[in-house]
Amino acid sequence: MKNKKPFLIVAMILLFSAVSTSLLKEEEWEVNAELLKEEVRSIEPSAKIVNLTDLTPFQWDTVYSFDPYTSKENIYETVGYKWGSIHETVNEGMNQLVFMNGEKVVCYLYGYPENIGYSISFTGERGAGDPSVSVLHASYDQPFQIEKKNHVIYLKNN
């Protein structure tokens, strides 16, 4: 019995470590959202225009911008699968963007610009049969105007 005690203790420690690590591990889309926030905040103060593809520190090919009050089900249907825990916007002034690379969500932005420090808005093509979503493809590489107001950075392509 004495020989089994150290083994059980080591096994429990390893199991606890594995479970803790998997619970604390951030998803790729969460990490990329933080990286994008850092990139936006580091825009030169004198800059007036930026290309979104130059600003994003991750690979993407399509970004969807969802109108306020778009349902979760509609978002999941548009991107093709359910991932993480997303929220429905509850106000007109909120961001709700999903960056995709192929068929995978690589960045998800949600919230008030005042809370996250920036906003990205664009008028892209409308989703196929869905007027509540705008679509922008990385290959378009359109310039975004930079506007700074009250410590918030607004990137606009409207």
Foldseek 3Di string as FASTA:
>chain_A
DVVCVVVVVVVVVVVVVVVVCVVPDDDQQVVQQVQLLVLLVPPDPPDFKDFPVVRRPDDFFKKKWFAAQDDPVNVCVQLPHDDDDDDGHDDRQWTFMFTHHVSDTRHTGIGHQVVSQEEEDEAAPADDVHNRMHMDTSVVRDMWTWDDDPSHIYTYHD
